[in-house]
Amino acid sequence: ERRNPDVQESIAHVNALLHRGRLKVAVDRAPELTESLEQWSYDENSRPMKGGENDYSHAGDSLRYLAWGAMGGAKRSMARGLRNY
């Protein structure tokens, strides 16, 4: 696509892939990504926090873009509720 995916949509896509077992993280081989997935949080406006001393967004953003482009996120529209894959 010519633009970045919507943040909430792509996070929901990654969460659904992880939950369904279609995406797995090798914890010992990707410690920065593991830390990002464990520590990345949301601000008071329900937006993922970026910047600051403890910025966990970089590895998480990389995973979002990869999953969105390579694992079908760009071809579907997420709706609220259950996501069937």
PDB file of N, CA and C in Angstrom:
ATOM      1  N   GLU A   1       0.832  -1.180   0.000  1.00  0.00           N
ATOM      2  CA  GLU A   1       0.000   0.000   0.000  1.00  0.00           C
ATOM      3  C   GLU A   1       0.869   1.234   0.000  1.00  0.00           C
ATOM      4  N   ARG A   2       0.292   2.335  -0.370  1.00  0.00           N
ATOM      5  CA  ARG A   2       1.041   3.587  -0.440  1.00  0.00           C
ATOM      6  C   ARG A   2       1.125   4.309   0.901  1.00  0.00           C
ATOM      7  N   ARG A   3       0.343   3.903   1.853  1.00  0.00           N
ATOM      8  CA  ARG A   3       0.382   4.564   3.165  1.00  0.00           C
ATOM      9  C   ARG A   3       0.460   3.509   4.260  1.00  0.00           C
ATOM     10  N   ASN A   4       0.859   3.965   5.424  1.00  0.00           N
ATOM     11  CA  ASN A   4       0.949   3.059   6.565  1.00  0.00           C
ATOM     12  C   ASN A   4      -0.443   2.626   6.998  1.00  0.00           C
ATOM     13  N   PRO A   5      -0.573   1.418   7.514  1.00  0.00           N
ATOM     14  CA  PRO A   5      -1.880   0.969   7.984  1.00  0.00           C
ATOM     15  C   PRO A   5      -2.298   1.729   9.237  1.00  0.00           C
ATOM     16  N   ASP A   6      -3.587   1.761   9.474  1.00  0.00           N
ATOM     17  CA  ASP A   6      -4.110   2.360  10.688  1.00  0.00           C
ATOM     18  C   ASP A   6      -3.507   1.631  11.898  1.00  0.00           C
ATOM     19  N   VAL A   7      -3.087   2.377  12.886  1.00  0.00           N
ATOM     20  CA  VAL A   7      -2.392   1.794  14.040  1.00  0.00           C
ATOM     21  C   VAL A   7      -3.279   0.798  14.777  1.00  0.00           C
ATOM     22  N   GLN A   8      -4.499   1.204  15.133  1.00  0.00           N
ATOM     23  CA  GLN A   8      -5.363   0.292  15.880  1.00  0.00           C
ATOM     24  C   GLN A   8      -5.720  -0.947  15.065  1.00  0.00           C
ATOM     25  N   GLU A   9      -5.955  -0.767  13.769  1.00  0.00           N
ATOM     26  CA  GLU A   9      -6.298  -1.909  12.921  1.00  0.00           C
ATOM     27  C   GLU A   9      -5.138  -2.902  12.832  1.00  0.00           C
ATOM     28  N   SER A  10      -3.932  -2.376  12.655  1.00  0.00           N
ATOM     29  CA  SER A  10      -2.788  -3.282  12.508  1.00  0.00           C
ATOM     30  C   SER A  10      -2.417  -3.945  13.833  1.00  0.00           C
ATOM     31  N   ILE A  11      -2.607  -3.273  14.946  1.00  0.00           N
ATOM     32  CA  ILE A  11      -2.381  -3.896  16.257  1.00  0.00           C
ATOM     33  C   ILE A  11      -3.407  -4.999  16.480  1.00  0.00           C
ATOM     34  N   ALA A  12      -4.655  -4.734  16.132  1.00  0.00           N
ATOM     35  CA  ALA A  12      -5.697  -5.758  16.264  1.00  0.00           C
ATOM     36  C   ALA A  12      -5.377  -6.961  15.380  1.00  0.00           C
ATOM     37  N   HIS A  13      -4.833  -6.704  14.197  1.00  0.00           N
ATOM     38  CA  HIS A  13      -4.464  -7.781  13.276  1.00  0.00           C
ATOM     39  C   HIS A  13      -3.360  -8.648  13.892  1.00  0.00           C
ATOM     40  N   VAL A  14      -2.315  -8.029  14.433  1.00  0.00           N
ATOM     41  CA  VAL A  14      -1.226  -8.773  15.069  1.00  0.00           C
ATOM     42  C   VAL A  14      -1.754  -9.553  16.276  1.00  0.00           C
ATOM     43  N   ASN A  15      -2.581  -8.926  17.095  1.00  0.00           N
ATOM     44  CA  ASN A  15      -3.133  -9.618  18.267  1.00  0.00           C
ATOM     45  C   ASN A  15      -3.947 -10.838  17.847  1.00  0.00           C
ATOM     46  N   ALA A  16      -4.747 -10.696  16.799  1.00  0.00           N
ATOM     47  CA  ALA A  16      -5.543 -11.826  16.315  1.00  0.00           C
ATOM     48  C   ALA A  16      -4.640 -12.948  15.803  1.00  0.00           C
ATOM     49  N   LEU A  17      -3.584 -12.592  15.070  1.00  0.00           N
ATOM     50  CA  LEU A  17      -2.641 -13.605  14.566  1.00  0.00           C
ATOM     51  C   LEU A  17      -1.940 -14.322  15.712  1.00  0.00           C
ATOM     52  N   LEU A  18      -1.526 -13.588  16.729  1.00  0.00           N
ATOM     53  CA  LEU A  18      -0.881 -14.195  17.892  1.00  0.00           C
ATOM     54  C   LEU A  18      -1.863 -15.106  18.637  1.00  0.00           C
ATOM     55  N   HIS A  19      -3.075 -14.609  18.842  1.00  0.00           N
ATOM     56  CA  HIS A  19      -4.081 -15.369  19.581  1.00  0.00           C
ATOM     57  C   HIS A  19      -4.436 -16.671  18.870  1.00  0.00           C
ATOM     58  N   ARG A  20      -4.507 -16.634  17.569  1.00  0.00           N
ATOM     59  CA  ARG A  20      -4.883 -17.813  16.781  1.00  0.00           C
ATOM     60  C   ARG A  20      -3.707 -18.748  16.498  1.00  0.00           C
ATOM     61  N   GLY A  21      -2.512 -18.344  16.921  1.00  0.00           N
ATOM     62  CA  GLY A  21      -1.336 -19.187  16.710  1.00  0.00           C
ATOM     63  C   GLY A  21      -0.774 -19.117  15.294  1.00  0.00           C
ATOM     64  N   ARG A  22      -1.205 -18.143  14.505  1.00  0.00           N
ATOM     65  CA  ARG A  22      -0.690 -17.990  13.145  1.00  0.00           C
ATOM     66  C   ARG A  22       0.608 -17.195  13.120  1.00  0.00           C
ATOM     67  N   LEU A  23       0.907 -16.533  14.227  1.00  0.00           N
ATOM     68  CA  LEU A  23       2.135 -15.758  14.357  1.00  0.00           C
ATOM     69  C   LEU A  23       2.745 -16.106  15.709  1.00  0.00           C
ATOM     70  N   LYS A  24       4.018 -16.454  15.693  1.00  0.00           N
ATOM     71  CA  LYS A  24       4.721 -16.798  16.924  1.00  0.00           C
ATOM     72  C   LYS A  24       6.028 -16.025  16.981  1.00  0.00           C
ATOM     73  N   VAL A  25       6.459 -15.731  18.185  1.00  0.00           N
ATOM     74  CA  VAL A  25       7.702 -14.996  18.401  1.00  0.00           C
ATOM     75  C   VAL A  25       8.693 -15.917  19.101  1.00  0.00           C
ATOM     76  N   ALA A  26       9.873 -16.056  18.530  1.00  0.00           N
ATOM     77  CA  ALA A  26      10.943 -16.829  19.169  1.00  0.00           C
ATOM     78  C   ALA A  26      11.590 -15.923  20.219  1.00  0.00           C
ATOM     79  N   VAL A  27      11.159 -16.090  21.444  1.00  0.00           N
ATOM     80  CA  VAL A  27      11.558 -15.204  22.537  1.00  0.00           C
ATOM     81  C   VAL A  27      13.070 -15.103  22.670  1.00  0.00           C
ATOM     82  N   ASP A  28      13.777 -16.217  22.574  1.00  0.00           N
ATOM     83  CA  ASP A  28      15.230 -16.202  22.741  1.00  0.00           C
ATOM     84  C   ASP A  28      15.956 -15.570  21.553  1.00  0.00           C
ATOM     85  N   ARG A  29      15.326 -15.541  20.392  1.00  0.00           N
ATOM     86  CA  ARG A  29      15.971 -14.975  19.202  1.00  0.00           C
ATOM     87  C   ARG A  29      15.542 -13.536  18.920  1.00  0.00           C
ATOM     88  N   ALA A  30      14.494 -13.079  19.599  1.00  0.00           N
ATOM     89  CA  ALA A  30      13.999 -11.721  19.367  1.00  0.00           C
ATOM     90  C   ALA A  30      13.698 -11.036  20.700  1.00  0.00           C
ATOM     91  N   PRO A  31      14.731 -10.808  21.500  1.00  0.00           N
ATOM     92  CA  PRO A  31      14.482 -10.228  22.825  1.00  0.00           C
ATOM     93  C   PRO A  31      13.923  -8.809  22.775  1.00  0.00           C
ATOM     94  N   GLU A  32      14.346  -7.998  21.801  1.00  0.00           N
ATOM     95  CA  GLU A  32      13.830  -6.626  21.715  1.00  0.00           C
ATOM     96  C   GLU A  32      12.345  -6.629  21.348  1.00  0.00           C
ATOM     97  N   LEU A  33      11.968  -7.487  20.411  1.00  0.00           N
ATOM     98  CA  LEU A  33      10.554  -7.601  20.036  1.00  0.00           C
ATOM     99  C   LEU A  33       9.740  -8.120  21.212  1.00  0.00           C
ATOM    100  N   THR A  34      10.246  -9.111  21.911  1.00  0.00           N
ATOM    101  CA  THR A  34       9.552  -9.656  23.072  1.00  0.00           C
ATOM    102  C   THR A  34       9.319  -8.571  24.114  1.00  0.00           C
ATOM    103  N   GLU A  35      10.353  -7.783  24.390  1.00  0.00           N
ATOM    104  CA  GLU A  35      10.217  -6.694  25.361  1.00  0.00           C
ATOM    105  C   GLU A  35       9.196  -5.674  24.876  1.00  0.00           C
ATOM    106  N   SER A  36       9.212  -5.369  23.591  1.00  0.00           N
ATOM    107  CA  SER A  36       8.248  -4.432  23.036  1.00  0.00           C
ATOM    108  C   SER A  36       6.821  -4.929  23.224  1.00  0.00           C
ATOM    109  N   LEU A  37       6.582  -6.198  22.915  1.00  0.00           N
ATOM    110  CA  LEU A  37       5.244  -6.758  23.054  1.00  0.00           C
ATOM    111  C   LEU A  37       4.792  -6.801  24.509  1.00  0.00           C
ATOM    112  N   GLU A  38       5.727  -6.997  25.416  1.00  0.00           N
ATOM    113  CA  GLU A  38       5.384  -7.064  26.838  1.00  0.00           C
ATOM    114  C   GLU A  38       5.195  -5.688  27.460  1.00  0.00           C
ATOM    115  N   GLN A  39       5.958  -4.689  27.025  1.00  0.00           N
ATOM    116  CA  GLN A  39       5.999  -3.400  27.708  1.00  0.00           C
ATOM    117  C   GLN A  39       5.259  -2.256  27.025  1.00  0.00           C
ATOM    118  N   TRP A  40       5.018  -2.362  25.741  1.00  0.00           N
ATOM    119  CA  TRP A  40       4.391  -1.264  25.003  1.00  0.00           C
ATOM    120  C   TRP A  40       2.985  -1.025  25.532  1.00  0.00           C
ATOM    121  N   SER A  41       2.655   0.208  25.839  1.00  0.00           N
ATOM    122  CA  SER A  41       1.352   0.507  26.435  1.00  0.00           C
ATOM    123  C   SER A  41       0.682   1.663  25.695  1.00  0.00           C
ATOM    124  N   TYR A  42      -0.478   2.023  26.175  1.00  0.00           N
ATOM    125  CA  TYR A  42      -1.295   3.063  25.558  1.00  0.00           C
ATOM    126  C   TYR A  42      -1.330   4.306  26.436  1.00  0.00           C
ATOM    127  N   ASP A  43      -1.533   5.465  25.802  1.00  0.00           N
ATOM    128  CA  ASP A  43      -1.658   6.700  26.559  1.00  0.00           C
ATOM    129  C   ASP A  43      -3.119   6.901  26.972  1.00  0.00           C
ATOM    130  N   GLU A  44      -3.413   8.050  27.564  1.00  0.00           N
ATOM    131  CA  GLU A  44      -4.762   8.324  28.062  1.00  0.00           C
ATOM    132  C   GLU A  44      -5.797   8.479  26.944  1.00  0.00           C
ATOM    133  N   ASN A  45      -5.337   8.643  25.695  1.00  0.00           N
ATOM    134  CA  ASN A  45      -6.241   8.750  24.543  1.00  0.00           C
ATOM    135  C   ASN A  45      -6.370   7.430  23.782  1.00  0.00           C
ATOM    136  N   SER A  46      -5.926   6.350  24.406  1.00  0.00           N
ATOM    137  CA  SER A  46      -5.971   5.003  23.811  1.00  0.00           C
ATOM    138  C   SER A  46      -5.154   4.888  22.529  1.00  0.00           C
ATOM    139  N   ARG A  47      -4.068   5.630  22.476  1.00  0.00           N
ATOM    140  CA  ARG A  47      -3.132   5.550  21.360  1.00  0.00           C
ATOM    141  C   ARG A  47      -1.839   4.923  21.879  1.00  0.00           C
ATOM    142  N   PRO A  48      -1.164   4.088  21.084  1.00  0.00           N
ATOM    143  CA  PRO A  48       0.104   3.501  21.528  1.00  0.00           C
ATOM    144  C   PRO A  48       1.129   4.596  21.842  1.00  0.00           C
ATOM    145  N   MET A  49       1.807   4.452  22.963  1.00  0.00           N
ATOM    146  CA  MET A  49       2.796   5.455  23.377  1.00  0.00           C
ATOM    147  C   MET A  49       4.045   5.351  22.514  1.00  0.00           C
ATOM    148  N   LYS A  50       4.548   6.506  22.104  1.00  0.00           N
ATOM    149  CA  LYS A  50       5.773   6.572  21.308  1.00  0.00           C
ATOM    150  C   LYS A  50       6.635   7.689  21.860  1.00  0.00           C
ATOM    151  N   GLY A  51       7.942   7.496  21.750  1.00  0.00           N
ATOM    152  CA  GLY A  51       8.873   8.509  22.220  1.00  0.00           C
ATOM    153  C   GLY A  51       9.177   8.359  23.696  1.00  0.00           C
ATOM    154  N   GLY A  52      10.023   9.229  24.173  1.00  0.00           N
ATOM    155  CA  GLY A  52      10.384   9.192  25.577  1.00  0.00           C
ATOM    156  C   GLY A  52      11.543   8.249  25.849  1.00  0.00           C
ATOM    157  N   GLU A  53      11.877   8.122  27.110  1.00  0.00           N
ATOM    158  CA  GLU A  53      13.021   7.317  27.527  1.00  0.00           C
ATOM    159  C   GLU A  53      12.808   5.825  27.261  1.00  0.00           C
ATOM    160  N   ASN A  54      11.622   5.338  27.519  1.00  0.00           N
ATOM    161  CA  ASN A  54      11.316   3.917  27.334  1.00  0.00           C
ATOM    162  C   ASN A  54      10.390   3.731  26.137  1.00  0.00           C
ATOM    163  N   ASP A  55      10.889   4.004  24.957  1.00  0.00           N
ATOM    164  CA  ASP A  55      10.098   3.874  23.737  1.00  0.00           C
ATOM    165  C   ASP A  55      10.172   2.432  23.250  1.00  0.00           C
ATOM    166  N   TYR A  56       9.073   1.712  23.392  1.00  0.00           N
ATOM    167  CA  TYR A  56       9.019   0.305  22.995  1.00  0.00           C
ATOM    168  C   TYR A  56       8.361   0.126  21.637  1.00  0.00           C
ATOM    169  N   SER A  57       8.154   1.207  20.913  1.00  0.00           N
ATOM    170  CA  SER A  57       7.354   1.140  19.691  1.00  0.00           C
ATOM    171  C   SER A  57       8.101   0.615  18.468  1.00  0.00           C
ATOM    172  N   HIS A  58       9.408   0.726  18.413  1.00  0.00           N
ATOM    173  CA  HIS A  58      10.132   0.424  17.173  1.00  0.00           C
ATOM    174  C   HIS A  58       9.988  -1.031  16.728  1.00  0.00           C
ATOM    175  N   ALA A  59      10.263  -1.961  17.591  1.00  0.00           N
ATOM    176  CA  ALA A  59      10.147  -3.377  17.221  1.00  0.00           C
ATOM    177  C   ALA A  59       8.685  -3.745  16.979  1.00  0.00           C
ATOM    178  N   GLY A  60       7.794  -3.197  17.780  1.00  0.00           N
ATOM    179  CA  GLY A  60       6.368  -3.469  17.609  1.00  0.00           C
ATOM    180  C   GLY A  60       5.849  -2.932  16.284  1.00  0.00           C
ATOM    181  N   ASP A  61       6.303  -1.735  15.903  1.00  0.00           N
ATOM    182  CA  ASP A  61       5.906  -1.171  14.604  1.00  0.00           C
ATOM    183  C   ASP A  61       6.405  -2.055  13.465  1.00  0.00           C
ATOM    184  N   SER A  62       7.614  -2.538  13.578  1.00  0.00           N
ATOM    185  CA  SER A  62       8.156  -3.424  12.534  1.00  0.00           C
ATOM    186  C   SER A  62       7.296  -4.668  12.377  1.00  0.00           C
ATOM    187  N   LEU A  63       6.912  -5.256  13.490  1.00  0.00           N
ATOM    188  CA  LEU A  63       6.059  -6.445  13.439  1.00  0.00           C
ATOM    189  C   LEU A  63       4.697  -6.105  12.830  1.00  0.00           C
ATOM    190  N   ARG A  64       4.136  -4.960  13.212  1.00  0.00           N
ATOM    191  CA  ARG A  64       2.839  -4.551  12.655  1.00  0.00           C
ATOM    192  C   ARG A  64       2.904  -4.439  11.139  1.00  0.00           C
ATOM    193  N   TYR A  65       3.927  -3.766  10.638  1.00  0.00           N
ATOM    194  CA  TYR A  65       4.053  -3.567   9.191  1.00  0.00           C
ATOM    195  C   TYR A  65       4.256  -4.892   8.471  1.00  0.00           C
ATOM    196  N   LEU A  66       5.083  -5.751   9.020  1.00  0.00           N
ATOM    197  CA  LEU A  66       5.326  -7.057   8.404  1.00  0.00           C
ATOM    198  C   LEU A  66       4.041  -7.887   8.369  1.00  0.00           C
ATOM    199  N   ALA A  67       3.379  -7.983   9.505  1.00  0.00           N
ATOM    200  CA  ALA A  67       2.149  -8.783   9.571  1.00  0.00           C
ATOM    201  C   ALA A  67       1.068  -8.202   8.670  1.00  0.00           C
ATOM    202  N   TRP A  68       0.964  -6.895   8.625  1.00  0.00           N
ATOM    203  CA  TRP A  68      -0.058  -6.254   7.802  1.00  0.00           C
ATOM    204  C   TRP A  68       0.186  -6.531   6.319  1.00  0.00           C
ATOM    205  N   GLY A  69       1.419  -6.397   5.892  1.00  0.00           N
ATOM    206  CA  GLY A  69       1.727  -6.578   4.480  1.00  0.00           C
ATOM    207  C   GLY A  69       1.835  -8.020   4.045  1.00  0.00           C
ATOM    208  N   ALA A  70       2.407  -8.869   4.895  1.00  0.00           N
ATOM    209  CA  ALA A  70       2.687 -10.244   4.486  1.00  0.00           C
ATOM    210  C   ALA A  70       1.637 -11.254   4.929  1.00  0.00           C
ATOM    211  N   MET A  71       0.812 -10.877   5.889  1.00  0.00           N
ATOM    212  CA  MET A  71      -0.128 -11.856   6.431  1.00  0.00           C
ATOM    213  C   MET A  71      -1.577 -11.412   6.287  1.00  0.00           C
ATOM    214  N   GLY A  72      -1.887 -10.737   5.205  1.00  0.00           N
ATOM    215  CA  GLY A  72      -3.263 -10.483   4.833  1.00  0.00           C
ATOM    216  C   GLY A  72      -3.966  -9.301   5.440  1.00  0.00           C
ATOM    217  N   GLY A  73      -3.316  -8.508   6.248  1.00  0.00           N
ATOM    218  CA  GLY A  73      -4.001  -7.373   6.854  1.00  0.00           C
ATOM    219  C   GLY A  73      -4.439  -6.330   5.847  1.00  0.00           C
ATOM    220  N   ALA A  74      -3.647  -6.133   4.820  1.00  0.00           N
ATOM    221  CA  ALA A  74      -3.963  -5.109   3.822  1.00  0.00           C
ATOM    222  C   ALA A  74      -5.167  -5.497   2.981  1.00  0.00           C
ATOM    223  N   LYS A  75      -5.532  -6.760   2.983  1.00  0.00           N
ATOM    224  CA  LYS A  75      -6.634  -7.230   2.144  1.00  0.00           C
ATOM    225  C   LYS A  75      -7.950  -7.329   2.896  1.00  0.00           C
ATOM    226  N   ARG A  76      -7.958  -6.966   4.166  1.00  0.00           N
ATOM    227  CA  ARG A  76      -9.194  -7.093   4.927  1.00  0.00           C
ATOM    228  C   ARG A  76      -9.454  -5.817   5.713  1.00  0.00           C
ATOM    229  N   SER A  77     -10.665  -5.664   6.088  1.00  0.00           N
ATOM    230  CA  SER A  77     -11.065  -4.541   6.914  1.00  0.00           C
ATOM    231  C   SER A  77     -11.490  -5.090   8.264  1.00  0.00           C
ATOM    232  N   MET A  78     -10.899  -4.589   9.321  1.00  0.00           N
ATOM    233  CA  MET A  78     -11.226  -5.061  10.652  1.00  0.00           C
ATOM    234  C   MET A  78     -12.518  -4.376  11.115  1.00  0.00           C
ATOM    235  N   ALA A  79     -13.331  -5.123  11.772  1.00  0.00           N
ATOM    236  CA  ALA A  79     -14.551  -4.590  12.378  1.00  0.00           C
ATOM    237  C   ALA A  79     -14.486  -4.870  13.868  1.00  0.00           C
ATOM    238  N   ARG A  80     -15.225  -4.147  14.618  1.00  0.00           N
ATOM    239  CA  ARG A  80     -15.235  -4.386  16.059  1.00  0.00           C
ATOM    240  C   ARG A  80     -15.784  -5.769  16.343  1.00  0.00           C
ATOM    241  N   GLY A  81     -15.302  -6.383  17.413  1.00  0.00           N
ATOM    242  CA  GLY A  81     -15.779  -7.697  17.791  1.00  0.00           C
ATOM    243  C   GLY A  81     -14.793  -8.770  17.386  1.00  0.00           C
ATOM    244  N   LEU A  82     -15.276  -9.991  17.229  1.00  0.00           N
ATOM    245  CA  LEU A  82     -14.410 -11.111  16.908  1.00  0.00           C
ATOM    246  C   LEU A  82     -13.852 -10.984  15.500  1.00  0.00           C
ATOM    247  N   ARG A  83     -12.617 -11.386  15.356  1.00  0.00           N
ATOM    248  CA  ARG A  83     -11.951 -11.365  14.054  1.00  0.00           C
ATOM    249  C   ARG A  83     -11.710 -12.804  13.641  1.00  0.00           C
ATOM    250  N   ASN A  84     -12.369 -13.233  12.626  1.00  0.00           N
ATOM    251  CA  ASN A  84     -12.250 -14.608  12.167  1.00  0.00           C
ATOM    252  C   ASN A  84     -11.184 -14.721  11.099  1.00  0.00           C
ATOM    253  N   TYR A  85     -10.240 -15.625  11.311  1.00  0.00           N
ATOM    254  CA  TYR A  85      -9.171 -15.852  10.347  1.00  0.00           C
ATOM    255  C   TYR A  85      -9.212 -17.277   9.920  1.00  0.00           C
TER     256      TYR A  85
END
